[in-house]
Amino acid sequence: MDALAKHIRERLASREFCTVFEDSLARVWPVGREADPKREERIRVFATSNGWTATIHDLGTRVIFTKLAA
C-alpha cells in the first residue's frame, strides 16, 4: 500500500490526476476468490486518508486519483 501511495503522490506532484489500473490495484485489494466486498469503500478511504479523491471506473478496473480541493 505504501508503494502505491508513493506512486500516486509522485504522479500528482506533476499532473492533475493519476490513473491506476487493475494489475496495480489487485496487489493491495484482491479480486476473484479473495474478493473484498468492501473493496470500493477501502479504495475511497485510502484516497481520502492521503488527501485525494478516487473515481472508480469499470467496476474497479481503473481508478483515477485526484487531489482534494483545499
Protein backbone atom coordinates (compact mmCIF):
# COMPACT_ATOMS: atom_id res chain seq x y z
CA MET A 1 0.00 0.00 0.00
CA ASP A 2 2.89 2.35 0.75
CA ALA A 3 4.38 1.76 -2.69
CA LEU A 4 1.04 2.53 -4.35
CA ALA A 5 0.62 5.70 -2.30
CA LYS A 6 4.16 6.79 -3.20
CA HIS A 7 3.49 6.18 -6.90
CA ILE A 8 0.26 8.20 -6.82
CA ARG A 9 1.85 11.01 -4.78
CA GLU A 10 4.73 11.30 -7.28
CA ARG A 11 2.34 11.42 -10.24
CA LEU A 12 0.10 14.01 -8.61
CA ALA A 13 3.09 16.25 -7.96
CA SER A 14 3.30 16.97 -11.69
CA ARG A 15 -0.17 16.07 -13.01
CA GLU A 16 -3.79 16.78 -12.25
CA PHE A 17 -4.69 13.10 -11.89
CA CYS A 18 -3.19 9.62 -11.67
CA THR A 19 -4.85 6.59 -13.24
CA VAL A 20 -4.18 3.24 -11.58
CA PHE A 21 -5.20 0.04 -13.37
CA GLU A 22 -6.36 -3.33 -12.08
CA ASP A 23 -2.95 -5.01 -12.08
CA SER A 24 -1.71 -2.47 -9.53
CA LEU A 25 -4.98 -2.30 -7.60
CA ALA A 26 -5.15 -6.09 -7.18
CA ARG A 27 -1.83 -6.11 -5.31
CA VAL A 28 -3.50 -4.18 -2.50
CA TRP A 29 -7.19 -5.02 -2.94
CA PRO A 30 -7.57 -8.56 -4.36
CA VAL A 31 -10.25 -9.62 -6.81
CA GLY A 32 -11.58 -13.05 -7.67
CA ARG A 33 -11.90 -15.68 -4.96
CA GLU A 34 -10.28 -13.38 -2.44
CA ALA A 35 -12.60 -10.54 -3.43
CA ASP A 36 -13.26 -7.94 -0.80
CA PRO A 37 -16.93 -6.95 -0.70
CA LYS A 38 -15.87 -3.56 0.67
CA ARG A 39 -13.18 -3.03 -1.97
CA GLU A 40 -14.57 0.22 -3.37
CA GLU A 41 -15.07 1.61 0.13
CA ARG A 42 -11.48 0.70 1.09
CA ILE A 43 -10.12 2.38 -2.04
CA ARG A 44 -12.05 5.55 -1.24
CA VAL A 45 -10.84 5.53 2.39
CA PHE A 46 -7.25 5.07 1.15
CA ALA A 47 -7.68 8.03 -1.19
CA THR A 48 -9.24 10.30 1.42
CA SER A 49 -6.60 9.44 4.03
CA ASN A 50 -3.95 10.61 1.55
CA GLY A 51 -5.77 13.82 0.58
CA TRP A 52 -7.13 12.53 -2.72
CA THR A 53 -10.42 11.61 -4.31
CA ALA A 54 -10.94 8.29 -6.08
CA THR A 55 -13.16 7.93 -9.11
CA ILE A 56 -13.72 4.22 -9.71
CA HIS A 57 -14.43 3.19 -13.31
CA ASP A 58 -15.37 -0.07 -14.99
CA LEU A 59 -16.20 -1.90 -11.74
CA GLY A 60 -12.76 -1.19 -10.33
CA THR A 61 -10.60 -1.97 -13.35
CA ARG A 62 -9.22 1.53 -13.11
CA VAL A 63 -9.28 4.27 -10.52
CA ILE A 64 -8.49 7.91 -11.13
CA PHE A 65 -6.98 9.69 -8.14
CA THR A 66 -7.02 13.48 -7.90
CA LYS A 67 -6.02 15.87 -5.15
CA LEU A 68 -8.78 17.03 -2.83
CA ALA A 69 -9.62 20.70 -3.26
CA ALA A 70 -8.07 22.74 -0.48
